[in-house]
Amino acid sequence: MTSHDATLLGRIQGEEVLHRDHIWFTEKDECGATELFSLSYFKPRRDENRERRYLAGRYGAVPIVNDEIFAAALSGRGAG
């Protein structure tokens, strides 16, 4: 499955939702090529808050959104 739901990196009642070897990220480089890599590559500790670290950019794969382009895309949606 694929998802953009960062909460899947966390825990529910102390149990991991997904094991670290089940989590893979993708990231595009400056040329547009996509790299695929596993969370296991980063060797996170068992007690680490993976969701928070991901959202802070520690694992990469976080989208970089230009605010101006995003606003322009949203304003263009109603013109259809």
PDB file of N, CA and C in Angstrom:
ATOM      1  N   MET A   1       0.837  -1.177   0.000  1.00  0.00           N
ATOM      2  CA  MET A   1       0.000   0.000   0.000  1.00  0.00           C
ATOM      3  C   MET A   1       0.875   1.231   0.000  1.00  0.00           C
ATOM      4  N   THR A   2       0.342   2.320  -0.419  1.00  0.00           N
ATOM      5  CA  THR A   2       1.015   3.606  -0.311  1.00  0.00           C
ATOM      6  C   THR A   2       0.128   4.538   0.490  1.00  0.00           C
ATOM      7  N   SER A   3       0.755   5.484   1.162  1.00  0.00           N
ATOM      8  CA  SER A   3      -0.001   6.427   1.973  1.00  0.00           C
ATOM      9  C   SER A   3       0.827   7.679   2.201  1.00  0.00           C
ATOM     10  N   HIS A   4       0.138   8.766   2.436  1.00  0.00           N
ATOM     11  CA  HIS A   4       0.786  10.020   2.835  1.00  0.00           C
ATOM     12  C   HIS A   4       0.417  10.336   4.277  1.00  0.00           C
ATOM     13  N   ASP A   5      -0.065   9.354   5.019  1.00  0.00           N
ATOM     14  CA  ASP A   5      -0.517   9.526   6.396  1.00  0.00           C
ATOM     15  C   ASP A   5       0.649   9.283   7.350  1.00  0.00           C
ATOM     16  N   ALA A   6       1.233  10.356   7.860  1.00  0.00           N
ATOM     17  CA  ALA A   6       2.399  10.243   8.736  1.00  0.00           C
ATOM     18  C   ALA A   6       2.072   9.558  10.053  1.00  0.00           C
ATOM     19  N   THR A   7       0.805   9.503  10.445  1.00  0.00           N
ATOM     20  CA  THR A   7       0.460   8.845  11.701  1.00  0.00           C
ATOM     21  C   THR A   7       0.750   7.347  11.655  1.00  0.00           C
ATOM     22  N   LEU A   8       0.855   6.780  10.463  1.00  0.00           N
ATOM     23  CA  LEU A   8       1.187   5.363  10.338  1.00  0.00           C
ATOM     24  C   LEU A   8       2.614   5.064  10.799  1.00  0.00           C
ATOM     25  N   LEU A   9       3.432   6.099  10.965  1.00  0.00           N
ATOM     26  CA  LEU A   9       4.796   5.924  11.455  1.00  0.00           C
ATOM     27  C   LEU A   9       4.834   5.812  12.975  1.00  0.00           C
ATOM     28  N   GLY A  10       3.718   6.113  13.629  1.00  0.00           N
ATOM     29  CA  GLY A  10       3.662   6.149  15.087  1.00  0.00           C
ATOM     30  C   GLY A  10       3.230   4.842  15.719  1.00  0.00           C
ATOM     31  N   ARG A  11       2.656   4.983  16.917  1.00  0.00           N
ATOM     32  CA  ARG A  11       2.235   3.841  17.722  1.00  0.00           C
ATOM     33  C   ARG A  11       0.777   3.999  18.136  1.00  0.00           C
ATOM     34  N   ILE A  12       0.139   2.872  18.345  1.00  0.00           N
ATOM     35  CA  ILE A  12      -1.212   2.837  18.911  1.00  0.00           C
ATOM     36  C   ILE A  12      -1.136   1.936  20.131  1.00  0.00           C
ATOM     37  N   GLN A  13      -1.479   2.494  21.275  1.00  0.00           N
ATOM     38  CA  GLN A  13      -1.419   1.781  22.558  1.00  0.00           C
ATOM     39  C   GLN A  13      -0.051   1.119  22.758  1.00  0.00           C
ATOM     40  N   GLY A  14       1.001   1.847  22.409  1.00  0.00           N
ATOM     41  CA  GLY A  14       2.361   1.365  22.609  1.00  0.00           C
ATOM     42  C   GLY A  14       2.899   0.429  21.547  1.00  0.00           C
ATOM     43  N   GLU A  15       2.066   0.012  20.606  1.00  0.00           N
ATOM     44  CA  GLU A  15       2.496  -0.912  19.549  1.00  0.00           C
ATOM     45  C   GLU A  15       2.718  -0.157  18.241  1.00  0.00           C
ATOM     46  N   GLU A  16       3.792  -0.495  17.539  1.00  0.00           N
ATOM     47  CA  GLU A  16       4.060   0.109  16.233  1.00  0.00           C
ATOM     48  C   GLU A  16       2.938  -0.219  15.268  1.00  0.00           C
ATOM     49  N   VAL A  17       2.489   0.775  14.509  1.00  0.00           N
ATOM     50  CA  VAL A  17       1.482   0.529  13.472  1.00  0.00           C
ATOM     51  C   VAL A  17       2.130  -0.266  12.350  1.00  0.00           C
ATOM     52  N   LEU A  18       3.306   0.171  11.904  1.00  0.00           N
ATOM     53  CA  LEU A  18       4.088  -0.528  10.885  1.00  0.00           C
ATOM     54  C   LEU A  18       5.500  -0.732  11.412  1.00  0.00           C
ATOM     55  N   HIS A  19       6.075  -1.882  11.149  1.00  0.00           N
ATOM     56  CA  HIS A  19       7.460  -2.137  11.538  1.00  0.00           C
ATOM     57  C   HIS A  19       8.394  -1.346  10.625  1.00  0.00           C
ATOM     58  N   ARG A  20       9.560  -1.009  11.132  1.00  0.00           N
ATOM     59  CA  ARG A  20      10.465  -0.144  10.360  1.00  0.00           C
ATOM     60  C   ARG A  20      10.886  -0.757   9.031  1.00  0.00           C
ATOM     61  N   ASP A  21      10.949  -2.079   8.942  1.00  0.00           N
ATOM     62  CA  ASP A  21      11.328  -2.688   7.668  1.00  0.00           C
ATOM     63  C   ASP A  21      10.165  -2.728   6.673  1.00  0.00           C
ATOM     64  N   HIS A  22       8.988  -2.287   7.098  1.00  0.00           N
ATOM     65  CA  HIS A  22       7.834  -2.189   6.206  1.00  0.00           C
ATOM     66  C   HIS A  22       7.636  -0.779   5.672  1.00  0.00           C
ATOM     67  N   ILE A  23       8.461   0.160   6.123  1.00  0.00           N
ATOM     68  CA  ILE A  23       8.300   1.574   5.759  1.00  0.00           C
ATOM     69  C   ILE A  23       9.374   1.962   4.750  1.00  0.00           C
ATOM     70  N   TRP A  24       8.902   2.457   3.609  1.00  0.00           N
ATOM     71  CA  TRP A  24       9.795   2.906   2.542  1.00  0.00           C
ATOM     72  C   TRP A  24       9.411   4.324   2.159  1.00  0.00           C
ATOM     73  N   PHE A  25      10.405   5.118   1.801  1.00  0.00           N
ATOM     74  CA  PHE A  25      10.193   6.502   1.387  1.00  0.00           C
ATOM     75  C   PHE A  25      10.650   6.680  -0.054  1.00  0.00           C
ATOM     76  N   THR A  26      10.098   7.671  -0.702  1.00  0.00           N
ATOM     77  CA  THR A  26      10.588   8.078  -2.016  1.00  0.00           C
ATOM     78  C   THR A  26      10.919   9.555  -1.964  1.00  0.00           C
ATOM     79  N   GLU A  27      11.894   9.936  -2.760  1.00  0.00           N
ATOM     80  CA  GLU A  27      12.310  11.330  -2.823  1.00  0.00           C
ATOM     81  C   GLU A  27      12.838  11.610  -4.221  1.00  0.00           C
ATOM     82  N   LYS A  28      12.421  12.729  -4.776  1.00  0.00           N
ATOM     83  CA  LYS A  28      12.916  13.118  -6.098  1.00  0.00           C
ATOM     84  C   LYS A  28      14.166  13.976  -5.946  1.00  0.00           C
ATOM     85  N   ASP A  29      15.118  13.760  -6.856  1.00  0.00           N
ATOM     86  CA  ASP A  29      16.308  14.602  -6.849  1.00  0.00           C
ATOM     87  C   ASP A  29      16.083  15.810  -7.749  1.00  0.00           C
ATOM     88  N   GLU A  30      17.093  16.632  -7.887  1.00  0.00           N
ATOM     89  CA  GLU A  30      16.965  17.876  -8.668  1.00  0.00           C
ATOM     90  C   GLU A  30      16.696  17.627 -10.149  1.00  0.00           C
ATOM     91  N   CYS A  31      16.980  16.421 -10.636  1.00  0.00           N
ATOM     92  CA  CYS A  31      16.722  16.072 -12.040  1.00  0.00           C
ATOM     93  C   CYS A  31      15.364  15.393 -12.233  1.00  0.00           C
ATOM     94  N   GLY A  32      14.658  15.143 -11.134  1.00  0.00           N
ATOM     95  CA  GLY A  32      13.352  14.506 -11.215  1.00  0.00           C
ATOM     96  C   GLY A  32      13.379  12.996 -11.081  1.00  0.00           C
ATOM     97  N   ALA A  33      14.568  12.409 -10.882  1.00  0.00           N
ATOM     98  CA  ALA A  33      14.663  10.962 -10.680  1.00  0.00           C
ATOM     99  C   ALA A  33      14.233  10.628  -9.256  1.00  0.00           C
ATOM    100  N   THR A  34      13.532   9.525  -9.090  1.00  0.00           N
ATOM    101  CA  THR A  34      13.019   9.124  -7.782  1.00  0.00           C
ATOM    102  C   THR A  34      13.918   8.083  -7.150  1.00  0.00           C
ATOM    103  N   GLU A  35      14.239   8.314  -5.879  1.00  0.00           N
ATOM    104  CA  GLU A  35      15.026   7.375  -5.101  1.00  0.00           C
ATOM    105  C   GLU A  35      14.096   6.708  -4.092  1.00  0.00           C
ATOM    106  N   LEU A  36      14.240   5.407  -3.909  1.00  0.00           N
ATOM    107  CA  LEU A  36      13.453   4.628  -2.962  1.00  0.00           C
ATOM    108  C   LEU A  36      14.389   4.137  -1.866  1.00  0.00           C
ATOM    109  N   PHE A  37      14.017   4.371  -0.595  1.00  0.00           N
ATOM    110  CA  PHE A  37      14.858   3.923   0.498  1.00  0.00           C
ATOM    111  C   PHE A  37      14.013   3.558   1.710  1.00  0.00           C
ATOM    112  N   SER A  38      14.532   2.642   2.506  1.00  0.00           N
ATOM    113  CA  SER A  38      13.827   2.101   3.658  1.00  0.00           C
ATOM    114  C   SER A  38      14.135   2.893   4.924  1.00  0.00           C
ATOM    115  N   LEU A  39      13.169   2.938   5.832  1.00  0.00           N
ATOM    116  CA  LEU A  39      13.408   3.542   7.147  1.00  0.00           C
ATOM    117  C   LEU A  39      14.532   2.805   7.866  1.00  0.00           C
ATOM    118  N   SER A  40      14.681   1.515   7.621  1.00  0.00           N
ATOM    119  CA  SER A  40      15.733   0.725   8.259  1.00  0.00           C
ATOM    120  C   SER A  40      17.121   1.285   7.980  1.00  0.00           C
ATOM    121  N   TYR A  41      17.286   1.960   6.862  1.00  0.00           N
ATOM    122  CA  TYR A  41      18.560   2.573   6.497  1.00  0.00           C
ATOM    123  C   TYR A  41      19.030   3.545   7.589  1.00  0.00           C
ATOM    124  N   PHE A  42      18.084   4.200   8.268  1.00  0.00           N
ATOM    125  CA  PHE A  42      18.407   5.202   9.287  1.00  0.00           C
ATOM    126  C   PHE A  42      18.636   4.597  10.673  1.00  0.00           C
ATOM    127  N   LYS A  43      18.348   3.302  10.824  1.00  0.00           N
ATOM    128  CA  LYS A  43      18.529   2.591  12.091  1.00  0.00           C
ATOM    129  C   LYS A  43      17.891   3.329  13.269  1.00  0.00           C
ATOM    130  N   PRO A  44      16.584   3.604  13.176  1.00  0.00           N
ATOM    131  CA  PRO A  44      15.929   4.315  14.287  1.00  0.00           C
ATOM    132  C   PRO A  44      15.872   3.445  15.541  1.00  0.00           C
ATOM    133  N   ARG A  45      16.004   4.110  16.692  1.00  0.00           N
ATOM    134  CA  ARG A  45      15.885   3.386  17.962  1.00  0.00           C
ATOM    135  C   ARG A  45      14.436   2.977  18.175  1.00  0.00           C
ATOM    136  N   ARG A  46      14.231   1.972  18.983  1.00  0.00           N
ATOM    137  CA  ARG A  46      12.890   1.451  19.242  1.00  0.00           C
ATOM    138  C   ARG A  46      11.973   2.491  19.868  1.00  0.00           C
ATOM    139  N   ASP A  47      12.509   3.332  20.754  1.00  0.00           N
ATOM    140  CA  ASP A  47      11.703   4.323  21.455  1.00  0.00           C
ATOM    141  C   ASP A  47      11.598   5.661  20.715  1.00  0.00           C
ATOM    142  N   GLU A  48      12.171   5.741  19.536  1.00  0.00           N
ATOM    143  CA  GLU A  48      12.185   6.979  18.751  1.00  0.00           C
ATOM    144  C   GLU A  48      10.790   7.324  18.229  1.00  0.00           C
ATOM    145  N   ASN A  49      10.433   8.593  18.265  1.00  0.00           N
ATOM    146  CA  ASN A  49       9.160   9.041  17.706  1.00  0.00           C
ATOM    147  C   ASN A  49       9.365   9.239  16.202  1.00  0.00           C
ATOM    148  N   ARG A  50       9.096   8.192  15.434  1.00  0.00           N
ATOM    149  CA  ARG A  50       9.354   8.217  13.991  1.00  0.00           C
ATOM    150  C   ARG A  50       8.488   9.238  13.283  1.00  0.00           C
ATOM    151  N   GLU A  51       7.259   9.384  13.698  1.00  0.00           N
ATOM    152  CA  GLU A  51       6.363  10.354  13.057  1.00  0.00           C
ATOM    153  C   GLU A  51       6.927  11.765  13.200  1.00  0.00           C
ATOM    154  N   ARG A  52       7.306  12.142  14.395  1.00  0.00           N
ATOM    155  CA  ARG A  52       7.847  13.485  14.631  1.00  0.00           C
ATOM    156  C   ARG A  52       9.143  13.702  13.858  1.00  0.00           C
ATOM    157  N   ARG A  53      10.016  12.690  13.870  1.00  0.00           N
ATOM    158  CA  ARG A  53      11.288  12.830  13.159  1.00  0.00           C
ATOM    159  C   ARG A  53      11.073  12.944  11.647  1.00  0.00           C
ATOM    160  N   TYR A  54      10.114  12.193  11.105  1.00  0.00           N
ATOM    161  CA  TYR A  54       9.806  12.292   9.678  1.00  0.00           C
ATOM    162  C   TYR A  54       9.313  13.694   9.343  1.00  0.00           C
ATOM    163  N   LEU A  55       8.367  14.194  10.126  1.00  0.00           N
ATOM    164  CA  LEU A  55       7.802  15.518   9.855  1.00  0.00           C
ATOM    165  C   LEU A  55       8.832  16.625  10.021  1.00  0.00           C
ATOM    166  N   ALA A  56       9.876  16.365  10.809  1.00  0.00           N
ATOM    167  CA  ALA A  56      10.969  17.325  10.976  1.00  0.00           C
ATOM    168  C   ALA A  56      12.002  17.208   9.855  1.00  0.00           C
ATOM    169  N   GLY A  57      11.820  16.236   8.942  1.00  0.00           N
ATOM    170  CA  GLY A  57      12.732  16.080   7.812  1.00  0.00           C
ATOM    171  C   GLY A  57      13.941  15.209   8.078  1.00  0.00           C
ATOM    172  N   ARG A  58      13.975  14.485   9.189  1.00  0.00           N
ATOM    173  CA  ARG A  58      15.143  13.669   9.536  1.00  0.00           C
ATOM    174  C   ARG A  58      15.354  12.495   8.605  1.00  0.00           C
ATOM    175  N   TYR A  59      14.309  12.010   7.982  1.00  0.00           N
ATOM    176  CA  TYR A  59      14.429  10.859   7.086  1.00  0.00           C
ATOM    177  C   TYR A  59      14.382  11.268   5.618  1.00  0.00           C
ATOM    178  N   GLY A  60      14.283  12.551   5.343  1.00  0.00           N
ATOM    179  CA  GLY A  60      14.123  12.999   3.964  1.00  0.00           C
ATOM    180  C   GLY A  60      12.702  12.719   3.505  1.00  0.00           C
ATOM    181  N   ALA A  61      12.479  12.733   2.226  1.00  0.00           N
ATOM    182  CA  ALA A  61      11.193  12.397   1.618  1.00  0.00           C
ATOM    183  C   ALA A  61      10.060  13.337   2.024  1.00  0.00           C
ATOM    184  N   VAL A  62      10.385  14.506   2.561  1.00  0.00           N
ATOM    185  CA  VAL A  62       9.357  15.479   2.921  1.00  0.00           C
ATOM    186  C   VAL A  62       9.184  16.427   1.743  1.00  0.00           C
ATOM    187  N   PRO A  63       7.952  16.604   1.284  1.00  0.00           N
ATOM    188  CA  PRO A  63       7.750  17.490   0.138  1.00  0.00           C
ATOM    189  C   PRO A  63       8.113  18.931   0.475  1.00  0.00           C
ATOM    190  N   ILE A  64       8.740  19.579  -0.466  1.00  0.00           N
ATOM    191  CA  ILE A  64       9.054  21.001  -0.336  1.00  0.00           C
ATOM    192  C   ILE A  64       8.083  21.734  -1.247  1.00  0.00           C
ATOM    193  N   VAL A  65       7.193  22.491  -0.632  1.00  0.00           N
ATOM    194  CA  VAL A  65       6.139  23.149  -1.382  1.00  0.00           C
ATOM    195  C   VAL A  65       6.407  24.650  -1.414  1.00  0.00           C
ATOM    196  N   ASN A  66       6.462  25.200  -2.607  1.00  0.00           N
ATOM    197  CA  ASN A  66       6.609  26.638  -2.786  1.00  0.00           C
ATOM    198  C   ASN A  66       5.248  27.275  -2.521  1.00  0.00           C
ATOM    199  N   ASP A  67       5.164  28.144  -1.524  1.00  0.00           N
ATOM    200  CA  ASP A  67       3.892  28.745  -1.126  1.00  0.00           C
ATOM    201  C   ASP A  67       3.196  29.487  -2.264  1.00  0.00           C
ATOM    202  N   GLU A  68       3.954  30.189  -3.074  1.00  0.00           N
ATOM    203  CA  GLU A  68       3.364  30.961  -4.173  1.00  0.00           C
ATOM    204  C   GLU A  68       2.764  30.035  -5.232  1.00  0.00           C
ATOM    205  N   ILE A  69       3.469  28.988  -5.589  1.00  0.00           N
ATOM    206  CA  ILE A  69       2.960  28.045  -6.587  1.00  0.00           C
ATOM    207  C   ILE A  69       1.739  27.317  -6.040  1.00  0.00           C
ATOM    208  N   PHE A  70       1.781  26.949  -4.752  1.00  0.00           N
ATOM    209  CA  PHE A  70       0.655  26.265  -4.118  1.00  0.00           C
ATOM    210  C   PHE A  70      -0.582  27.163  -4.116  1.00  0.00           C
ATOM    211  N   ALA A  71      -0.409  28.418  -3.740  1.00  0.00           N
ATOM    212  CA  ALA A  71      -1.539  29.366  -3.721  1.00  0.00           C
ATOM    213  C   ALA A  71      -2.092  29.565  -5.127  1.00  0.00           C
ATOM    214  N   ALA A  72      -1.227  29.657  -6.114  1.00  0.00           N
ATOM    215  CA  ALA A  72      -1.685  29.825  -7.499  1.00  0.00           C
ATOM    216  C   ALA A  72      -2.453  28.599  -7.975  1.00  0.00           C
ATOM    217  N   ALA A  73      -2.005  27.425  -7.583  1.00  0.00           N
ATOM    218  CA  ALA A  73      -2.698  26.203  -7.969  1.00  0.00           C
ATOM    219  C   ALA A  73      -4.088  26.146  -7.327  1.00  0.00           C
ATOM    220  N   LEU A  74      -4.180  26.560  -6.077  1.00  0.00           N
ATOM    221  CA  LEU A  74      -5.477  26.564  -5.404  1.00  0.00           C
ATOM    222  C   LEU A  74      -6.426  27.590  -5.999  1.00  0.00           C
ATOM    223  N   SER A  75      -5.913  28.769  -6.341  1.00  0.00           N
ATOM    224  CA  SER A  75      -6.785  29.792  -6.903  1.00  0.00           C
ATOM    225  C   SER A  75      -7.268  29.424  -8.290  1.00  0.00           C
ATOM    226  N   GLY A  76      -6.529  28.608  -9.010  1.00  0.00           N
ATOM    227  CA  GLY A  76      -6.916  28.168 -10.337  1.00  0.00           C
ATOM    228  C   GLY A  76      -7.973  27.067 -10.337  1.00  0.00           C
ATOM    229  N   ARG A  77      -8.206  26.456  -9.209  1.00  0.00           N
ATOM    230  CA  ARG A  77      -9.158  25.347  -9.127  1.00  0.00           C
ATOM    231  C   ARG A  77     -10.591  25.799  -9.366  1.00  0.00           C
ATOM    232  N   GLY A  78     -10.951  26.987  -8.941  1.00  0.00           N
ATOM    233  CA  GLY A  78     -12.330  27.457  -9.087  1.00  0.00           C
ATOM    234  C   GLY A  78     -12.621  27.987 -10.477  1.00  0.00           C
ATOM    235  N   ALA A  79     -11.626  28.055 -11.330  1.00  0.00           N
ATOM    236  CA  ALA A  79     -11.817  28.648 -12.661  1.00  0.00           C
ATOM    237  C   ALA A  79     -12.207  27.617 -13.697  1.00  0.00           C
ATOM    238  N   GLY A  80     -12.731  26.480 -13.275  1.00  0.00           N
ATOM    239  CA  GLY A  80     -13.003  25.425 -14.230  1.00  0.00           C
ATOM    240  C   GLY A  80     -14.393  25.378 -14.592  1.00  0.00           C
TER     241      GLY A  80
END
